[in-house]
C-alpha atoms as a PDB file:
ATOM      1  CA  MET A   1       0.086   0.014   0.031  1.00  0.00           C
ATOM      2  CA  SER A   2       1.475   3.442  -0.892  1.00  0.00           C
ATOM      3  CA  GLN A   3       2.095   6.310   1.614  1.00  0.00           C
ATOM      4  CA  ASP A   4      -0.561   8.574  -0.329  1.00  0.00           C
ATOM      5  CA  THR A   5      -3.267   5.884   0.113  1.00  0.00           C
ATOM      6  CA  ARG A   6      -2.553   5.505   3.913  1.00  0.00           C
ATOM      7  CA  THR A   7      -3.013   9.310   4.377  1.00  0.00           C
ATOM      8  CA  HIS A   8      -6.593   8.986   3.175  1.00  0.00           C
ATOM      9  CA  ALA A   9      -7.444   6.153   5.403  1.00  0.00           C
ATOM     10  CA  PHE A  10     -10.820   6.218   7.099  1.00  0.00           C
ATOM     11  CA  GLY A  11      -9.664   4.811  10.411  1.00  0.00           C
ATOM     12  CA  PRO A  12     -11.481   4.827  13.743  1.00  0.00           C
ATOM     13  CA  ASP A  13     -10.087   8.100  14.801  1.00  0.00           C
ATOM     14  CA  ARG A  14     -11.857   9.695  11.810  1.00  0.00           C
ATOM     15  CA  ARG A  15     -15.370   8.313  12.542  1.00  0.00           C
ATOM     16  CA  ILE A  16     -18.238   9.451  14.889  1.00  0.00           C
ATOM     17  CA  ARG A  17     -19.645   6.321  16.208  1.00  0.00           C
ATOM     18  CA  ARG A  18     -21.298   6.576  19.670  1.00  0.00           C
ATOM     19  CA  ARG A  19     -24.851   8.127  20.148  1.00  0.00           C
ATOM     20  CA  PRO A  20     -23.470  10.884  22.576  1.00  0.00           C
ATOM     21  CA  GLU A  21     -21.080  12.080  19.863  1.00  0.00           C
ATOM     22  CA  PHE A  22     -23.947  12.196  17.313  1.00  0.00           C
ATOM     23  CA  GLN A  23     -26.251  13.953  19.612  1.00  0.00           C
ATOM     24  CA  ARG A  24     -23.692  16.553  20.470  1.00  0.00           C
ATOM     25  CA  VAL A  25     -23.347  17.433  16.722  1.00  0.00           C
ATOM     26  CA  TYR A  26     -27.213  17.482  16.287  1.00  0.00           C
ATOM     27  CA  ASP A  27     -27.705  19.794  19.309  1.00  0.00           C
ATOM     28  CA  ARG A  28     -24.830  22.245  18.597  1.00  0.00           C
ATOM     29  CA  GLY A  29     -24.026  21.964  15.020  1.00  0.00           C
ATOM     30  CA  GLN A  30     -24.824  24.063  12.073  1.00  0.00           C
ATOM     31  CA  ARG A  31     -27.193  22.350   9.828  1.00  0.00           C
ATOM     32  CA  LEU A  32     -27.091  22.703   5.940  1.00  0.00           C
ATOM     33  CA  SER A  33     -29.985  21.198   4.101  1.00  0.00           C
ATOM     34  CA  LEU A  34     -29.015  20.467   0.379  1.00  0.00           C
ATOM     35  CA  ARG A  35     -30.533  18.636  -2.332  1.00  0.00           C
ATOM     36  CA  LEU A  36     -28.582  15.280  -1.945  1.00  0.00           C
ATOM     37  CA  MET A  37     -27.877  15.452   1.919  1.00  0.00           C
ATOM     38  CA  THR A  38     -28.036  17.317   5.078  1.00  0.00           C
ATOM     39  CA  VAL A  39     -24.756  18.063   6.614  1.00  0.00           C
ATOM     40  CA  ILE A  40     -24.266  19.120  10.296  1.00  0.00           C
ATOM     41  CA  VAL A  41     -20.971  20.648  11.063  1.00  0.00           C
ATOM     42  CA  LEU A  42     -19.537  21.299  14.595  1.00  0.00           C
ATOM     43  CA  PRO A  43     -15.902  22.214  15.592  1.00  0.00           C
ATOM     44  CA  ASN A  44     -14.541  19.443  17.758  1.00  0.00           C
ATOM     45  CA  GLY A  45     -10.980  20.646  18.928  1.00  0.00           C
ATOM     46  CA  LEU A  46      -9.213  17.758  17.514  1.00  0.00           C
ATOM     47  CA  PRO A  47      -6.373  17.765  14.779  1.00  0.00           C
ATOM     48  CA  GLN A  48      -8.448  15.730  12.444  1.00  0.00           C
ATOM     49  CA  SER A  49     -12.020  15.787  11.354  1.00  0.00           C
ATOM     50  CA  ARG A  50     -14.456  13.128  11.928  1.00  0.00           C
ATOM     51  CA  LEU A  51     -17.556  11.736  10.115  1.00  0.00           C
ATOM     52  CA  GLY A  52     -20.751  10.218  11.051  1.00  0.00           C
ATOM     53  CA  VAL A  53     -23.459   9.051   8.609  1.00  0.00           C
ATOM     54  CA  SER A  54     -27.024   8.746   9.794  1.00  0.00           C
ATOM     55  CA  ALA A  55     -28.694   6.768   7.181  1.00  0.00           C
ATOM     56  CA  THR A  56     -32.261   5.842   8.624  1.00  0.00           C
ATOM     57  CA  ARG A  57     -34.723   3.204   7.446  1.00  0.00           C
ATOM     58  CA  LYS A  58     -36.738   6.070   5.674  1.00  0.00           C
ATOM     59  CA  LEU A  59     -33.933   5.974   3.007  1.00  0.00           C
ATOM     60  CA  GLY A  60     -34.478   2.315   2.242  1.00  0.00           C
ATOM     61  CA  GLY A  61     -33.525  -1.319   3.207  1.00  0.00           C
ATOM     62  CA  ALA A  62     -30.162  -2.124   4.603  1.00  0.00           C
ATOM     63  CA  VAL A  63     -28.480  -2.617   1.256  1.00  0.00           C
ATOM     64  CA  ILE A  64     -29.532   0.890   0.133  1.00  0.00           C
ATOM     65  CA  ARG A  65     -28.459   2.398   3.558  1.00  0.00           C
ATOM     66  CA  ASN A  66     -25.007   0.800   3.294  1.00  0.00           C
ATOM     67  CA  ARG A  67     -24.497   1.984  -0.325  1.00  0.00           C
ATOM     68  CA  ALA A  68     -25.434   5.561   0.786  1.00  0.00           C
ATOM     69  CA  LYS A  69     -22.943   5.389   3.614  1.00  0.00           C
ATOM     70  CA  ARG A  70     -20.277   4.075   1.460  1.00  0.00           C
ATOM     71  CA  VAL A  71     -20.593   6.860  -1.063  1.00  0.00           C
ATOM     72  CA  VAL A  72     -20.515   9.571   1.708  1.00  0.00           C
ATOM     73  CA  ARG A  73     -17.568   7.949   3.328  1.00  0.00           C
ATOM     74  CA  GLU A  74     -15.616   7.785   0.113  1.00  0.00           C
ATOM     75  CA  VAL A  75     -16.435  11.413  -0.602  1.00  0.00           C
ATOM     76  CA  PHE A  76     -15.167  12.473   2.859  1.00  0.00           C
ATOM     77  CA  ARG A  77     -11.984  10.328   2.503  1.00  0.00           C
ATOM     78  CA  GLN A  78     -11.144  11.831  -0.864  1.00  0.00           C
ATOM     79  CA  ALA A  79     -12.113  15.582   0.033  1.00  0.00           C
ATOM     80  CA  ASP A  80      -9.785  18.064   1.543  1.00  0.00           C
ATOM     81  CA  VAL A  81     -11.600  18.432   4.811  1.00  0.00           C
ATOM     82  CA  PRO A  82      -9.901  20.953   7.217  1.00  0.00           C
ATOM     83  CA  GLY A  83      -9.043  19.510  10.576  1.00  0.00           C
ATOM     84  CA  GLY A  84     -11.015  20.134  13.753  1.00  0.00           C
ATOM     85  CA  LEU A  85     -14.675  19.387  12.331  1.00  0.00           C
ATOM     86  CA  ASP A  86     -17.229  16.760  13.320  1.00  0.00           C
ATOM     87  CA  LEU A  87     -19.478  16.253  10.320  1.00  0.00           C
ATOM     88  CA  VAL A  88     -22.759  14.295  10.387  1.00  0.00           C
ATOM     89  CA  VAL A  89     -24.274  13.597   7.015  1.00  0.00           C
ATOM     90  CA  ILE A  90     -27.942  12.536   6.569  1.00  0.00           C
ATOM     91  CA  PRO A  91     -28.139  11.329   3.050  1.00  0.00           C
ATOM     92  CA  ARG A  92     -31.461  11.803   1.027  1.00  0.00           C
ATOM     93  CA  PRO A  93     -32.841   9.382  -1.651  1.00  0.00           C
ATOM     94  CA  ALA A  94     -31.672  11.665  -4.457  1.00  0.00           C
ATOM     95  CA  LEU A  95     -28.091  10.813  -3.428  1.00  0.00           C
ATOM     96  CA  LEU A  96     -28.546   7.284  -4.467  1.00  0.00           C
ATOM     97  CA  GLU A  97     -29.531   8.453  -8.013  1.00  0.00           C
ATOM     98  CA  ALA A  98     -26.922  11.100  -8.510  1.00  0.00           C
ATOM     99  CA  ASP A  99     -23.584  10.472  -9.951  1.00  0.00           C
ATOM    100  CA  TYR A 100     -20.419  10.644  -7.775  1.00  0.00           C
ATOM    101  CA  ARG A 101     -19.320  13.969  -9.042  1.00  0.00           C
ATOM    102  CA  ALA A 102     -22.533  15.479  -8.022  1.00  0.00           C
ATOM    103  CA  VAL A 103     -22.258  14.061  -4.552  1.00  0.00           C
ATOM    104  CA  GLU A 104     -18.652  15.276  -4.292  1.00  0.00           C
ATOM    105  CA  ALA A 105     -19.589  18.784  -5.624  1.00  0.00           C
ATOM    106  CA  GLU A 106     -22.338  19.223  -3.026  1.00  0.00           C
ATOM    107  CA  PHE A 107     -20.104  17.998  -0.197  1.00  0.00           C
ATOM    108  CA  GLN A 108     -17.503  20.445  -1.149  1.00  0.00           C
ATOM    109  CA  TYR A 109     -20.089  23.182  -1.175  1.00  0.00           C
ATOM    110  CA  ALA A 110     -21.287  22.292   2.182  1.00  0.00           C
ATOM    111  CA  LEU A 111     -17.572  22.473   3.585  1.00  0.00           C
ATOM    112  CA  ARG A 112     -17.335  25.780   2.048  1.00  0.00           C
ATOM    113  CA  ARG A 113     -20.706  27.030   3.471  1.00  0.00           C
ATOM    114  CA  ALA A 114     -19.677  25.757   6.987  1.00  0.00           C
ATOM    115  CA  GLY A 115     -16.333  27.516   6.635  1.00  0.00           C
ATOM    116  CA  ARG A 116     -18.056  30.865   5.682  1.00  0.00           C
ATOM    117  CA  ARG A 117     -20.468  30.550   8.692  1.00  0.00           C
ATOM    118  CA  ALA A 118     -17.543  29.923  10.964  1.00  0.00           C
ATOM    119  CA  GLY A 119     -15.860  33.040   9.767  1.00  0.00           C
ATOM    120  CA  GLY A 120     -13.514  31.249   7.464  1.00  0.00           C
ATOM    121  CA  LYS A 121     -12.716  31.748   3.720  1.00  0.00           C
ATOM    122  CA  GLY A 122     -15.361  30.522   1.417  1.00  0.00           C
ATOM    123  CA  ALA A 123     -15.448  30.503  -2.336  1.00  0.00           C
ATOM    124  CA  GLY A 124     -17.702  32.935  -3.999  1.00  0.00           C
ATOM    125  CA  GLN A 125     -20.034  30.512  -5.398  1.00  0.00           C
ATOM    126  CA  SER A 126     -23.786  31.256  -4.656  1.00  0.00           C
ATOM    127  CA  GLY A 127     -25.153  27.695  -4.259  1.00  0.00           C
ATOM    128  CA  PRO A 128     -24.381  24.070  -4.880  1.00  0.00           C
ATOM    129  CA  PRO A 129     -23.904  23.198  -8.544  1.00  0.00           C
ATOM    130  CA  LYS A 130     -27.103  22.146 -10.193  1.00  0.00           C
ATOM    131  CA  GLU A 131     -27.264  18.810 -11.804  1.00  0.00           C
ATOM    132  CA  GLY A 132     -25.897  18.946 -15.402  1.00  0.00           C
ATOM    133  CA  MET A 133     -23.979  22.345 -14.852  1.00  0.00           C
ATOM    134  CA  ALA A 134     -20.383  22.979 -14.777  1.00  0.00           C
ATOM    135  CA  ALA A 135     -18.809  24.233 -11.382  1.00  0.00           C
ATOM    136  CA  GLY A 136     -18.309  27.903 -12.623  1.00  0.00           C
ATOM    137  CA  GLU A 137     -21.500  28.171 -14.542  1.00  0.00           C
ATOM    138  CA  THR A 138     -24.076  30.597 -13.069  1.00  0.00           C
ATOM    139  CA  PRO A 139     -27.547  29.029 -12.304  1.00  0.00           C
ATOM    140  CA  ALA A 140     -30.725  30.704 -13.580  1.00  0.00           C
ATOM    141  CA  PRO A 141     -32.389  33.243 -11.414  1.00  0.00           C
ATOM    142  CA  ARG A 142     -34.540  31.869  -8.578  1.00  0.00           C
ATOM    143  CA  VAL A 143     -38.301  32.105  -9.002  1.00  0.00           C
ATOM    144  CA  GLY A 144     -41.576  31.655  -7.057  1.00  0.00           C
ATOM    145  CA  ALA A 145     -41.443  29.919  -3.666  1.00  0.00           C
ATOM    146  CA  GLU A 146     -37.676  29.098  -3.949  1.00  0.00           C
ATOM    147  CA  ARG A 147     -36.941  32.841  -4.113  1.00  0.00           C
ATOM    148  CA  VAL A 148     -39.201  33.622  -1.207  1.00  0.00           C
ATOM    149  CA  ALA A 149     -37.592  30.900   0.932  1.00  0.00           C
ATOM    150  CA  THR A 150     -34.220  32.277   0.103  1.00  0.00           C
ATOM    151  CA  GLU A 151     -35.248  35.865   0.939  1.00  0.00           C
ATOM    152  CA  ARG A 152     -36.518  34.667   4.333  1.00  0.00           C
ATOM    153  CA  ARG A 153     -33.420  32.979   5.150  1.00  0.00           C
ATOM    154  CA  ARG A 154     -31.445  36.110   4.353  1.00  0.00           C
ATOM    155  CA  GLU A 155     -33.626  38.304   6.611  1.00  0.00           C
ATOM    156  CA  SER A 156     -33.206  36.102   9.624  1.00  0.00           C
END
């Protein structure tokens, strides 16, 4: 096994496994609801970031849930996640239908948003990449209920 592969390993020190750890992130973390997943982020004070995946039975049977968890773990493992964060990802059914690049792009978007909310540097992108769009492409203007919901979030 090469040295590069070992640095991206997903060992026990990079996992959130116990209920109290999940509960702490649920209670105190910042929640980002996206199209493919909900990501909850909380600083953990550790040198490495940790991931927990909460795939409930509402998502599907055991095979479906395990596939969703594998995809999320691989995206986390390959991503350049800054140290010191606990992340809990709740996959949505759309994640199972999306291709890997879309999941990866949305996860990266969640990390940038979490960084901006925490006062860190964030990329200037206004939203997650839409399906079928390139990363730098500008999305169409929002209309109707989606625009109203966005304006309400900005006001609060």
